[in-house]
């Protein structure tokens, strides 16, 4: 089992992200709102968004994105198993939450998406 987060797992196409936000299933666990849709690819793909409206400084936005990415990297194998989907994770909290809160939210979202 590898705990890497390779480039193939990053969702980059604008149209795919737009379709995911419109047609994807919504899951919510504070401080993260997730849109997901099952895909036919071998690996799950992710895009992480932290709104500039909530966090003006790029340093804070990057900190939150790093925390979410690390929680995904460590928990995707055990939570998802072989389930492949596209995910849009949006941080909706108004303050910077500690890593353990973010990790619990990410883990809960991954488990719920794999069950549905």
PDB file of N, CA and C in Angstrom:
ATOM      1  N   UNK A   1       0.852  -1.179   0.000  1.00  0.00           N
ATOM      2  CA  UNK A   1       0.000   0.000   0.000  1.00  0.00           C
ATOM      3  C   UNK A   1       0.897   1.242   0.000  1.00  0.00           C
ATOM      4  N   UNK A   2       0.633   2.110  -0.926  1.00  0.00           N
ATOM      5  CA  UNK A   2       1.409   3.347  -1.029  1.00  0.00           C
ATOM      6  C   UNK A   2       0.568   4.531  -0.563  1.00  0.00           C
ATOM      7  N   UNK A   3       1.202   5.475   0.081  1.00  0.00           N
ATOM      8  CA  UNK A   3       0.506   6.640   0.595  1.00  0.00           C
ATOM      9  C   UNK A   3       0.824   7.889  -0.216  1.00  0.00           C
ATOM     10  N   UNK A   4       1.051   7.723  -1.501  1.00  0.00           N
ATOM     11  CA  UNK A   4       1.422   8.868  -2.322  1.00  0.00           C
ATOM     12  C   UNK A   4       0.181   9.582  -2.854  1.00  0.00           C
ATOM     13  N   UNK A   5       0.389  10.762  -3.382  1.00  0.00           N
ATOM     14  CA  UNK A   5      -0.673  11.548  -3.996  1.00  0.00           C
ATOM     15  C   UNK A   5      -0.172  11.982  -5.372  1.00  0.00           C
ATOM     16  N   UNK A   6      -0.201  11.049  -6.350  1.00  0.00           N
ATOM     17  CA  UNK A   6       0.410  11.342  -7.651  1.00  0.00           C
ATOM     18  C   UNK A   6      -0.383  12.351  -8.468  1.00  0.00           C
ATOM     19  N   UNK A   7       0.253  12.827  -9.512  1.00  0.00           N
ATOM     20  CA  UNK A   7      -0.341  13.833 -10.380  1.00  0.00           C
ATOM     21  C   UNK A   7      -1.600  13.313 -11.072  1.00  0.00           C
ATOM     22  N   UNK A   8      -1.681  12.006 -11.309  1.00  0.00           N
ATOM     23  CA  UNK A   8      -2.857  11.416 -11.960  1.00  0.00           C
ATOM     24  C   UNK A   8      -4.114  11.542 -11.106  1.00  0.00           C
ATOM     25  N   UNK A   9      -3.955  11.816  -9.821  1.00  0.00           N
ATOM     26  CA  UNK A   9      -5.104  11.931  -8.924  1.00  0.00           C
ATOM     27  C   UNK A   9      -5.600  13.371  -8.789  1.00  0.00           C
ATOM     28  N   UNK A  10      -5.034  14.273  -9.552  1.00  0.00           N
ATOM     29  CA  UNK A  10      -5.481  15.660  -9.501  1.00  0.00           C
ATOM     30  C   UNK A  10      -6.427  15.921 -10.650  1.00  0.00           C
ATOM     31  N   UNK A  11      -7.599  16.422 -10.346  1.00  0.00           N
ATOM     32  CA  UNK A  11      -8.596  16.746 -11.356  1.00  0.00           C
ATOM     33  C   UNK A  11      -8.308  18.162 -11.839  1.00  0.00           C
ATOM     34  N   UNK A  12      -7.991  18.324 -13.137  1.00  0.00           N
ATOM     35  CA  UNK A  12      -7.538  19.615 -13.636  1.00  0.00           C
ATOM     36  C   UNK A  12      -8.426  20.222 -14.714  1.00  0.00           C
ATOM     37  N   UNK A  13      -9.261  19.435 -15.371  1.00  0.00           N
ATOM     38  CA  UNK A  13     -10.054  19.946 -16.484  1.00  0.00           C
ATOM     39  C   UNK A  13     -11.192  20.833 -15.975  1.00  0.00           C
ATOM     40  N   UNK A  14     -11.286  22.037 -16.508  1.00  0.00           N
ATOM     41  CA  UNK A  14     -12.322  22.984 -16.082  1.00  0.00           C
ATOM     42  C   UNK A  14     -13.723  22.432 -16.303  1.00  0.00           C
ATOM     43  N   UNK A  15     -13.952  21.780 -17.436  1.00  0.00           N
ATOM     44  CA  UNK A  15     -15.279  21.258 -17.734  1.00  0.00           C
ATOM     45  C   UNK A  15     -15.660  20.135 -16.769  1.00  0.00           C
ATOM     46  N   UNK A  16     -14.713  19.290 -16.421  1.00  0.00           N
ATOM     47  CA  UNK A  16     -14.985  18.202 -15.471  1.00  0.00           C
ATOM     48  C   UNK A  16     -15.318  18.755 -14.089  1.00  0.00           C
ATOM     49  N   UNK A  17     -14.631  19.808 -13.686  1.00  0.00           N
ATOM     50  CA  UNK A  17     -14.898  20.435 -12.388  1.00  0.00           C
ATOM     51  C   UNK A  17     -16.268  21.102 -12.400  1.00  0.00           C
ATOM     52  N   UNK A  18     -16.597  21.785 -13.485  1.00  0.00           N
ATOM     53  CA  UNK A  18     -17.906  22.432 -13.601  1.00  0.00           C
ATOM     54  C   UNK A  18     -19.033  21.401 -13.595  1.00  0.00           C
ATOM     55  N   UNK A  19     -18.871  20.301 -14.317  1.00  0.00           N
ATOM     56  CA  UNK A  19     -19.879  19.238 -14.324  1.00  0.00           C
ATOM     57  C   UNK A  19     -20.046  18.624 -12.942  1.00  0.00           C
ATOM     58  N   UNK A  20     -18.942  18.470 -12.246  1.00  0.00           N
ATOM     59  CA  UNK A  20     -18.978  17.889 -10.904  1.00  0.00           C
ATOM     60  C   UNK A  20     -19.744  18.781  -9.938  1.00  0.00           C
ATOM     61  N   UNK A  21     -19.553  20.097 -10.036  1.00  0.00           N
ATOM     62  CA  UNK A  21     -20.248  21.009  -9.132  1.00  0.00           C
ATOM     63  C   UNK A  21     -21.735  21.108  -9.447  1.00  0.00           C
ATOM     64  N   UNK A  22     -22.119  20.833 -10.698  1.00  0.00           N
ATOM     65  CA  UNK A  22     -23.530  20.907 -11.085  1.00  0.00           C
ATOM     66  C   UNK A  22     -24.242  19.576 -10.886  1.00  0.00           C
ATOM     67  N   UNK A  23     -23.613  18.477 -11.326  1.00  0.00           N
ATOM     68  CA  UNK A  23     -24.282  17.181 -11.342  1.00  0.00           C
ATOM     69  C   UNK A  23     -23.827  16.236 -10.234  1.00  0.00           C
ATOM     70  N   UNK A  24     -22.848  16.625  -9.445  1.00  0.00           N
ATOM     71  CA  UNK A  24     -22.315  15.731  -8.425  1.00  0.00           C
ATOM     72  C   UNK A  24     -23.207  15.627  -7.198  1.00  0.00           C
ATOM     73  N   UNK A  25     -23.038  14.542  -6.460  1.00  0.00           N
ATOM     74  CA  UNK A  25     -23.739  14.334  -5.194  1.00  0.00           C
ATOM     75  C   UNK A  25     -23.026  15.148  -4.123  1.00  0.00           C
ATOM     76  N   UNK A  26     -23.799  15.795  -3.255  1.00  0.00           N
ATOM     77  CA  UNK A  26     -23.226  16.673  -2.241  1.00  0.00           C
ATOM     78  C   UNK A  26     -23.167  15.949  -0.894  1.00  0.00           C
ATOM     79  N   UNK A  27     -22.004  16.016  -0.265  1.00  0.00           N
ATOM     80  CA  UNK A  27     -21.821  15.532   1.096  1.00  0.00           C
ATOM     81  C   UNK A  27     -21.266  16.682   1.920  1.00  0.00           C
ATOM     82  N   UNK A  28     -21.674  16.742   3.183  1.00  0.00           N
ATOM     83  CA  UNK A  28     -21.222  17.837   4.033  1.00  0.00           C
ATOM     84  C   UNK A  28     -20.809  17.312   5.393  1.00  0.00           C
ATOM     85  N   UNK A  29     -19.652  17.716   5.814  1.00  0.00           N
ATOM     86  CA  UNK A  29     -19.161  17.475   7.169  1.00  0.00           C
ATOM     87  C   UNK A  29     -18.286  18.677   7.495  1.00  0.00           C
ATOM     88  N   UNK A  30     -18.723  19.483   8.453  1.00  0.00           N
ATOM     89  CA  UNK A  30     -18.018  20.719   8.765  1.00  0.00           C
ATOM     90  C   UNK A  30     -16.555  20.429   9.040  1.00  0.00           C
ATOM     91  N   UNK A  31     -15.672  21.164   8.444  1.00  0.00           N
ATOM     92  CA  UNK A  31     -15.716  22.392   7.655  1.00  0.00           C
ATOM     93  C   UNK A  31     -15.591  22.164   6.150  1.00  0.00           C
ATOM     94  N   UNK A  32     -15.949  20.973   5.661  1.00  0.00           N
ATOM     95  CA  UNK A  32     -15.758  20.672   4.242  1.00  0.00           C
ATOM     96  C   UNK A  32     -17.078  20.269   3.591  1.00  0.00           C
ATOM     97  N   UNK A  33     -17.310  20.828   2.417  1.00  0.00           N
ATOM     98  CA  UNK A  33     -18.438  20.433   1.578  1.00  0.00           C
ATOM     99  C   UNK A  33     -17.842  19.742   0.365  1.00  0.00           C
ATOM    100  N   UNK A  34     -18.356  18.564   0.048  1.00  0.00           N
ATOM    101  CA  UNK A  34     -17.777  17.772  -1.038  1.00  0.00           C
ATOM    102  C   UNK A  34     -18.827  17.452  -2.084  1.00  0.00           C
ATOM    103  N   UNK A  35     -18.412  17.543  -3.324  1.00  0.00           N
ATOM    104  CA  UNK A  35     -19.203  17.083  -4.458  1.00  0.00           C
ATOM    105  C   UNK A  35     -18.456  15.876  -5.024  1.00  0.00           C
ATOM    106  N   UNK A  36     -19.184  14.795  -5.313  1.00  0.00           N
ATOM    107  CA  UNK A  36     -18.514  13.655  -5.905  1.00  0.00           C
ATOM    108  C   UNK A  36     -19.412  12.979  -6.925  1.00  0.00           C
ATOM    109  N   UNK A  37     -18.767  12.321  -7.862  1.00  0.00           N
ATOM    110  CA  UNK A  37     -19.454  11.536  -8.888  1.00  0.00           C
ATOM    111  C   UNK A  37     -18.567  10.345  -9.216  1.00  0.00           C
ATOM    112  N   UNK A  38     -19.128   9.136  -9.252  1.00  0.00           N
ATOM    113  CA  UNK A  38     -18.324   7.961  -9.596  1.00  0.00           C
ATOM    114  C   UNK A  38     -17.716   8.106 -10.994  1.00  0.00           C
ATOM    115  N   UNK A  39     -16.517   7.591 -11.141  1.00  0.00           N
ATOM    116  CA  UNK A  39     -15.840   7.654 -12.441  1.00  0.00           C
ATOM    117  C   UNK A  39     -15.402   6.255 -12.851  1.00  0.00           C
ATOM    118  N   UNK A  40     -15.009   6.127 -14.081  1.00  0.00           N
ATOM    119  CA  UNK A  40     -14.583   4.828 -14.580  1.00  0.00           C
ATOM    120  C   UNK A  40     -13.067   4.672 -14.588  1.00  0.00           C
ATOM    121  N   UNK A  41     -12.353   5.652 -14.083  1.00  0.00           N
ATOM    122  CA  UNK A  41     -10.894   5.587 -14.040  1.00  0.00           C
ATOM    123  C   UNK A  41     -10.404   4.655 -12.944  1.00  0.00           C
ATOM    124  N   UNK A  42      -9.130   4.329 -12.969  1.00  0.00           N
ATOM    125  CA  UNK A  42      -8.582   3.412 -11.965  1.00  0.00           C
ATOM    126  C   UNK A  42      -8.349   4.059 -10.601  1.00  0.00           C
ATOM    127  N   UNK A  43      -8.175   5.378 -10.579  1.00  0.00           N
ATOM    128  CA  UNK A  43      -7.873   6.082  -9.331  1.00  0.00           C
ATOM    129  C   UNK A  43      -8.899   7.180  -9.073  1.00  0.00           C
ATOM    130  N   UNK A  44      -9.157   7.479  -7.799  1.00  0.00           N
ATOM    131  CA  UNK A  44      -9.987   8.651  -7.512  1.00  0.00           C
ATOM    132  C   UNK A  44      -9.208   9.923  -7.857  1.00  0.00           C
ATOM    133  N   UNK A  45      -9.943  10.969  -8.284  1.00  0.00           N
ATOM    134  CA  UNK A  45      -9.307  12.248  -8.618  1.00  0.00           C
ATOM    135  C   UNK A  45      -9.921  13.338  -7.751  1.00  0.00           C
ATOM    136  N   UNK A  46      -9.099  14.306  -7.362  1.00  0.00           N
ATOM    137  CA  UNK A  46      -9.513  15.339  -6.430  1.00  0.00           C
ATOM    138  C   UNK A  46      -9.185  16.728  -6.942  1.00  0.00           C
ATOM    139  N   UNK A  47     -10.008  17.692  -6.535  1.00  0.00           N
ATOM    140  CA  UNK A  47      -9.685  19.103  -6.652  1.00  0.00           C
ATOM    141  C   UNK A  47     -10.087  19.729  -5.320  1.00  0.00           C
ATOM    142  N   UNK A  48      -9.234  20.580  -4.792  1.00  0.00           N
ATOM    143  CA  UNK A  48      -9.443  21.191  -3.480  1.00  0.00           C
ATOM    144  C   UNK A  48      -9.571  22.694  -3.673  1.00  0.00           C
ATOM    145  N   UNK A  49     -10.601  23.284  -3.066  1.00  0.00           N
ATOM    146  CA  UNK A  49     -10.833  24.715  -3.204  1.00  0.00           C
ATOM    147  C   UNK A  49     -10.996  25.354  -1.829  1.00  0.00           C
ATOM    148  N   UNK A  50     -10.303  26.466  -1.647  1.00  0.00           N
ATOM    149  CA  UNK A  50     -10.459  27.293  -0.449  1.00  0.00           C
ATOM    150  C   UNK A  50     -10.770  28.690  -0.955  1.00  0.00           C
ATOM    151  N   UNK A  51     -11.955  29.224  -0.644  1.00  0.00           N
ATOM    152  CA  UNK A  51     -12.378  30.500  -1.225  1.00  0.00           C
ATOM    153  C   UNK A  51     -11.522  31.689  -0.793  1.00  0.00           C
ATOM    154  N   UNK A  52     -11.211  32.517  -1.755  1.00  0.00           N
ATOM    155  CA  UNK A  52     -10.459  33.738  -1.503  1.00  0.00           C
ATOM    156  C   UNK A  52     -11.303  34.733  -0.697  1.00  0.00           C
ATOM    157  N   UNK A  53     -12.610  34.612  -0.811  1.00  0.00           N
ATOM    158  CA  UNK A  53     -13.504  35.496  -0.069  1.00  0.00           C
ATOM    159  C   UNK A  53     -13.378  35.283   1.444  1.00  0.00           C
ATOM    160  N   UNK A  54     -13.150  34.045   1.858  1.00  0.00           N
ATOM    161  CA  UNK A  54     -13.035  33.726   3.283  1.00  0.00           C
ATOM    162  C   UNK A  54     -11.632  33.950   3.822  1.00  0.00           C
ATOM    163  N   UNK A  55     -10.614  33.649   2.997  1.00  0.00           N
ATOM    164  CA  UNK A  55      -9.223  33.766   3.424  1.00  0.00           C
ATOM    165  C   UNK A  55      -8.467  34.586   2.387  1.00  0.00           C
ATOM    166  N   UNK A  56      -8.249  35.841   2.697  1.00  0.00           N
ATOM    167  CA  UNK A  56      -7.628  36.766   1.748  1.00  0.00           C
ATOM    168  C   UNK A  56      -6.163  36.435   1.473  1.00  0.00           C
ATOM    169  N   UNK A  57      -5.461  35.963   2.474  1.00  0.00           N
ATOM    170  CA  UNK A  57      -4.036  35.687   2.327  1.00  0.00           C
ATOM    171  C   UNK A  57      -3.797  34.306   1.736  1.00  0.00           C
ATOM    172  N   UNK A  58      -2.945  34.248   0.732  1.00  0.00           N
ATOM    173  CA  UNK A  58      -2.638  32.977   0.068  1.00  0.00           C
ATOM    174  C   UNK A  58      -1.977  31.997   1.032  1.00  0.00           C
ATOM    175  N   UNK A  59      -1.252  32.499   2.012  1.00  0.00           N
ATOM    176  CA  UNK A  59      -0.589  31.633   2.987  1.00  0.00           C
ATOM    177  C   UNK A  59      -1.618  30.797   3.742  1.00  0.00           C
ATOM    178  N   UNK A  60      -2.723  31.407   4.133  1.00  0.00           N
ATOM    179  CA  UNK A  60      -3.767  30.681   4.863  1.00  0.00           C
ATOM    180  C   UNK A  60      -4.492  29.692   3.946  1.00  0.00           C
ATOM    181  N   UNK A  61      -4.780  30.104   2.724  1.00  0.00           N
ATOM    182  CA  UNK A  61      -5.442  29.196   1.779  1.00  0.00           C
ATOM    183  C   UNK A  61      -4.560  27.991   1.490  1.00  0.00           C
ATOM    184  N   UNK A  62      -3.267  28.219   1.287  1.00  0.00           N
ATOM    185  CA  UNK A  62      -2.345  27.121   1.012  1.00  0.00           C
ATOM    186  C   UNK A  62      -2.202  26.187   2.208  1.00  0.00           C
ATOM    187  N   UNK A  63      -2.214  26.734   3.421  1.00  0.00           N
ATOM    188  CA  UNK A  63      -2.154  25.915   4.628  1.00  0.00           C
ATOM    189  C   UNK A  63      -3.338  24.962   4.689  1.00  0.00           C
ATOM    190  N   UNK A  64      -4.534  25.475   4.423  1.00  0.00           N
ATOM    191  CA  UNK A  64      -5.731  24.637   4.463  1.00  0.00           C
ATOM    192  C   UNK A  64      -5.712  23.590   3.355  1.00  0.00           C
ATOM    193  N   UNK A  65      -5.265  23.969   2.161  1.00  0.00           N
ATOM    194  CA  UNK A  65      -5.182  22.999   1.066  1.00  0.00           C
ATOM    195  C   UNK A  65      -4.173  21.896   1.386  1.00  0.00           C
ATOM    196  N   UNK A  66      -3.057  22.247   1.993  1.00  0.00           N
ATOM    197  CA  UNK A  66      -2.068  21.234   2.393  1.00  0.00           C
ATOM    198  C   UNK A  66      -2.646  20.276   3.421  1.00  0.00           C
ATOM    199  N   UNK A  67      -3.400  20.794   4.386  1.00  0.00           N
ATOM    200  CA  UNK A  67      -4.006  19.944   5.412  1.00  0.00           C
ATOM    201  C   UNK A  67      -5.027  18.985   4.807  1.00  0.00           C
ATOM    202  N   UNK A  68      -5.848  19.480   3.892  1.00  0.00           N
ATOM    203  CA  UNK A  68      -6.844  18.622   3.242  1.00  0.00           C
ATOM    204  C   UNK A  68      -6.143  17.572   2.387  1.00  0.00           C
ATOM    205  N   UNK A  69      -5.137  17.967   1.636  1.00  0.00           N
ATOM    206  CA  UNK A  69      -4.398  17.042   0.778  1.00  0.00           C
ATOM    207  C   UNK A  69      -3.722  15.944   1.601  1.00  0.00           C
ATOM    208  N   UNK A  70      -3.170  16.292   2.738  1.00  0.00           N
ATOM    209  CA  UNK A  70      -2.519  15.305   3.605  1.00  0.00           C
ATOM    210  C   UNK A  70      -3.542  14.329   4.180  1.00  0.00           C
ATOM    211  N   UNK A  71      -4.703  14.827   4.582  1.00  0.00           N
ATOM    212  CA  UNK A  71      -5.758  13.954   5.093  1.00  0.00           C
ATOM    213  C   UNK A  71      -6.232  12.997   3.998  1.00  0.00           C
ATOM    214  N   UNK A  72      -6.344  13.468   2.771  1.00  0.00           N
ATOM    215  CA  UNK A  72      -6.717  12.603   1.647  1.00  0.00           C
ATOM    216  C   UNK A  72      -5.656  11.544   1.405  1.00  0.00           C
ATOM    217  N   UNK A  73      -4.428  11.970   1.379  1.00  0.00           N
ATOM    218  CA  UNK A  73      -3.317  11.073   1.084  1.00  0.00           C
ATOM    219  C   UNK A  73      -3.246   9.917   2.083  1.00  0.00           C
ATOM    220  N   UNK A  74      -3.442  10.213   3.354  1.00  0.00           N
ATOM    221  CA  UNK A  74      -3.311   9.187   4.384  1.00  0.00           C
ATOM    222  C   UNK A  74      -4.535   8.295   4.509  1.00  0.00           C
ATOM    223  N   UNK A  75      -5.724   8.779   4.161  1.00  0.00           N
ATOM    224  CA  UNK A  75      -6.948   8.039   4.425  1.00  0.00           C
ATOM    225  C   UNK A  75      -7.644   7.469   3.199  1.00  0.00           C
ATOM    226  N   UNK A  76      -7.207   7.797   2.000  1.00  0.00           N
ATOM    227  CA  UNK A  76      -7.932   7.341   0.818  1.00  0.00           C
ATOM    228  C   UNK A  76      -7.878   5.827   0.648  1.00  0.00           C
ATOM    229  N   UNK A  77      -6.777   5.185   0.978  1.00  0.00           N
ATOM    230  CA  UNK A  77      -6.657   3.740   0.769  1.00  0.00           C
ATOM    231  C   UNK A  77      -7.601   2.966   1.682  1.00  0.00           C
ATOM    232  N   UNK A  78      -7.661   3.329   2.946  1.00  0.00           N
ATOM    233  CA  UNK A  78      -8.498   2.580   3.883  1.00  0.00           C
ATOM    234  C   UNK A  78      -9.975   2.934   3.772  1.00  0.00           C
ATOM    235  N   UNK A  79     -10.294   4.153   3.401  1.00  0.00           N
ATOM    236  CA  UNK A  79     -11.700   4.568   3.327  1.00  0.00           C
ATOM    237  C   UNK A  79     -12.358   4.198   2.010  1.00  0.00           C
ATOM    238  N   UNK A  80     -11.644   4.341   0.915  1.00  0.00           N
ATOM    239  CA  UNK A  80     -12.240   4.120  -0.387  1.00  0.00           C
ATOM    240  C   UNK A  80     -12.107   2.688  -0.890  1.00  0.00           C
ATOM    241  N   UNK A  81     -11.057   2.006  -0.505  1.00  0.00           N
ATOM    242  CA  UNK A  81     -10.830   0.672  -1.048  1.00  0.00           C
ATOM    243  C   UNK A  81     -10.561   0.780  -2.533  1.00  0.00           C
ATOM    244  N   UNK A  82     -11.424   0.188  -3.366  1.00  0.00           N
ATOM    245  CA  UNK A  82     -11.248   0.252  -4.814  1.00  0.00           C
ATOM    246  C   UNK A  82     -12.202   1.215  -5.486  1.00  0.00           C
ATOM    247  N   UNK A  83     -12.932   2.019  -4.712  1.00  0.00           N
ATOM    248  CA  UNK A  83     -13.924   2.939  -5.257  1.00  0.00           C
ATOM    249  C   UNK A  83     -13.228   4.120  -5.913  1.00  0.00           C
ATOM    250  N   UNK A  84     -13.520   4.363  -7.187  1.00  0.00           N
ATOM    251  CA  UNK A  84     -12.926   5.492  -7.918  1.00  0.00           C
ATOM    252  C   UNK A  84     -14.016   6.508  -8.219  1.00  0.00           C
ATOM    253  N   UNK A  85     -13.750   7.751  -7.879  1.00  0.00           N
ATOM    254  CA  UNK A  85     -14.700   8.828  -8.117  1.00  0.00           C
ATOM    255  C   UNK A  85     -13.926  10.128  -8.290  1.00  0.00           C
ATOM    256  N   UNK A  86     -14.631  11.141  -8.788  1.00  0.00           N
ATOM    257  CA  UNK A  86     -14.072  12.480  -8.864  1.00  0.00           C
ATOM    258  C   UNK A  86     -14.633  13.279  -7.700  1.00  0.00           C
ATOM    259  N   UNK A  87     -13.776  14.025  -7.018  1.00  0.00           N
ATOM    260  CA  UNK A  87     -14.170  14.783  -5.838  1.00  0.00           C
ATOM    261  C   UNK A  87     -13.818  16.252  -5.991  1.00  0.00           C
ATOM    262  N   UNK A  88     -14.718  17.109  -5.561  1.00  0.00           N
ATOM    263  CA  UNK A  88     -14.459  18.536  -5.411  1.00  0.00           C
ATOM    264  C   UNK A  88     -14.668  18.837  -3.933  1.00  0.00           C
ATOM    265  N   UNK A  89     -13.598  19.151  -3.231  1.00  0.00           N
ATOM    266  CA  UNK A  89     -13.655  19.430  -1.792  1.00  0.00           C
ATOM    267  C   UNK A  89     -13.517  20.935  -1.585  1.00  0.00           C
ATOM    268  N   UNK A  90     -14.526  21.536  -0.973  1.00  0.00           N
ATOM    269  CA  UNK A  90     -14.542  22.983  -0.749  1.00  0.00           C
ATOM    270  C   UNK A  90     -14.512  23.228   0.756  1.00  0.00           C
ATOM    271  N   UNK A  91     -13.538  24.005   1.196  1.00  0.00           N
ATOM    272  CA  UNK A  91     -13.437  24.367   2.608  1.00  0.00           C
ATOM    273  C   UNK A  91     -14.391  25.530   2.849  1.00  0.00           C
ATOM    274  N   UNK A  92     -15.395  25.333   3.715  1.00  0.00           N
ATOM    275  CA  UNK A  92     -16.399  26.369   3.919  1.00  0.00           C
ATOM    276  C   UNK A  92     -16.326  27.022   5.288  1.00  0.00           C
ATOM    277  N   UNK A  93     -15.415  26.577   6.146  1.00  0.00           N
ATOM    278  CA  UNK A  93     -15.270  27.178   7.457  1.00  0.00           C
ATOM    279  C   UNK A  93     -14.786  28.614   7.362  1.00  0.00           C
ATOM    280  N   UNK A  94     -15.093  29.403   8.364  1.00  0.00           N
ATOM    281  CA  UNK A  94     -14.674  30.807   8.374  1.00  0.00           C
ATOM    282  C   UNK A  94     -13.367  31.017   9.128  1.00  0.00           C
ATOM    283  N   UNK A  95     -12.920  30.000   9.877  1.00  0.00           N
ATOM    284  CA  UNK A  95     -11.654  30.097  10.583  1.00  0.00           C
ATOM    285  C   UNK A  95     -10.815  28.881  10.238  1.00  0.00           C
ATOM    286  N   UNK A  96      -9.536  28.938  10.543  1.00  0.00           N
ATOM    287  CA  UNK A  96      -8.635  27.830  10.252  1.00  0.00           C
ATOM    288  C   UNK A  96      -8.821  26.767  11.329  1.00  0.00           C
ATOM    289  N   UNK A  97      -9.287  25.601  10.920  1.00  0.00           N
ATOM    290  CA  UNK A  97      -9.503  24.494  11.854  1.00  0.00           C
ATOM    291  C   UNK A  97      -8.213  23.691  11.998  1.00  0.00           C
ATOM    292  N   UNK A  98      -8.026  23.046  13.158  1.00  0.00           N
ATOM    293  CA  UNK A  98      -6.849  22.192  13.317  1.00  0.00           C
ATOM    294  C   UNK A  98      -6.918  20.970  12.403  1.00  0.00           C
ATOM    295  N   UNK A  99      -5.769  20.353  12.213  1.00  0.00           N
ATOM    296  CA  UNK A  99      -5.673  19.225  11.288  1.00  0.00           C
ATOM    297  C   UNK A  99      -6.590  18.075  11.675  1.00  0.00           C
ATOM    298  N   UNK A 100      -6.717  17.763  12.962  1.00  0.00           N
ATOM    299  CA  UNK A 100      -7.529  16.608  13.351  1.00  0.00           C
ATOM    300  C   UNK A 100      -9.004  16.793  13.004  1.00  0.00           C
ATOM    301  N   UNK A 101      -9.512  18.011  13.034  1.00  0.00           N
ATOM    302  CA  UNK A 101     -10.900  18.284  12.636  1.00  0.00           C
ATOM    303  C   UNK A 101     -11.059  18.084  11.128  1.00  0.00           C
ATOM    304  N   UNK A 102     -10.088  18.586  10.365  1.00  0.00           N
ATOM    305  CA  UNK A 102     -10.124  18.439   8.915  1.00  0.00           C
ATOM    306  C   UNK A 102     -10.003  16.969   8.530  1.00  0.00           C
ATOM    307  N   UNK A 103      -9.117  16.238   9.191  1.00  0.00           N
ATOM    308  CA  UNK A 103      -8.936  14.817   8.884  1.00  0.00           C
ATOM    309  C   UNK A 103     -10.206  14.017   9.176  1.00  0.00           C
ATOM    310  N   UNK A 104     -10.866  14.308  10.286  1.00  0.00           N
ATOM    311  CA  UNK A 104     -12.112  13.611  10.619  1.00  0.00           C
ATOM    312  C   UNK A 104     -13.190  13.889   9.571  1.00  0.00           C
ATOM    313  N   UNK A 105     -13.267  15.127   9.105  1.00  0.00           N
ATOM    314  CA  UNK A 105     -14.257  15.480   8.086  1.00  0.00           C
ATOM    315  C   UNK A 105     -13.960  14.780   6.767  1.00  0.00           C
ATOM    316  N   UNK A 106     -12.709  14.767   6.355  1.00  0.00           N
ATOM    317  CA  UNK A 106     -12.325  14.117   5.102  1.00  0.00           C
ATOM    318  C   UNK A 106     -12.592  12.615   5.183  1.00  0.00           C
ATOM    319  N   UNK A 107     -12.234  11.998   6.294  1.00  0.00           N
ATOM    320  CA  UNK A 107     -12.455  10.567   6.460  1.00  0.00           C
ATOM    321  C   UNK A 107     -13.937  10.227   6.399  1.00  0.00           C
ATOM    322  N   UNK A 108     -14.762  11.026   7.062  1.00  0.00           N
ATOM    323  CA  UNK A 108     -16.216  10.805   7.057  1.00  0.00           C
ATOM    324  C   UNK A 108     -16.784  10.945   5.641  1.00  0.00           C
ATOM    325  N   UNK A 109     -16.336  11.951   4.907  1.00  0.00           N
ATOM    326  CA  UNK A 109     -16.806  12.161   3.534  1.00  0.00           C
ATOM    327  C   UNK A 109     -16.405  11.003   2.633  1.00  0.00           C
ATOM    328  N   UNK A 110     -15.168  10.543   2.754  1.00  0.00           N
ATOM    329  CA  UNK A 110     -14.713   9.414   1.930  1.00  0.00           C
ATOM    330  C   UNK A 110     -15.492   8.147   2.236  1.00  0.00           C
ATOM    331  N   UNK A 111     -15.745   7.883   3.514  1.00  0.00           N
ATOM    332  CA  UNK A 111     -16.502   6.687   3.894  1.00  0.00           C
ATOM    333  C   UNK A 111     -17.942   6.754   3.366  1.00  0.00           C
ATOM    334  N   UNK A 112     -18.582   7.907   3.502  1.00  0.00           N
ATOM    335  CA  UNK A 112     -19.956   8.060   3.015  1.00  0.00           C
ATOM    336  C   UNK A 112     -20.037   7.904   1.505  1.00  0.00           C
ATOM    337  N   UNK A 113     -19.069   8.464   0.793  1.00  0.00           N
ATOM    338  CA  UNK A 113     -19.095   8.365  -0.668  1.00  0.00           C
ATOM    339  C   UNK A 113     -18.854   6.940  -1.145  1.00  0.00           C
ATOM    340  N   UNK A 114     -18.005   6.207  -0.471  1.00  0.00           N
ATOM    341  CA  UNK A 114     -17.714   4.817  -0.875  1.00  0.00           C
ATOM    342  C   UNK A 114     -18.922   3.923  -0.611  1.00  0.00           C
ATOM    343  N   UNK A 115     -19.730   4.231   0.395  1.00  0.00           N
ATOM    344  CA  UNK A 115     -20.910   3.417   0.715  1.00  0.00           C
ATOM    345  C   UNK A 115     -22.067   3.684  -0.227  1.00  0.00           C
ATOM    346  N   UNK A 116     -22.130   4.905  -0.795  1.00  0.00           N
ATOM    347  CA  UNK A 116     -23.286   5.222  -1.646  1.00  0.00           C
ATOM    348  C   UNK A 116     -23.104   4.801  -3.083  1.00  0.00           C
TER     349      UNK A 116
END
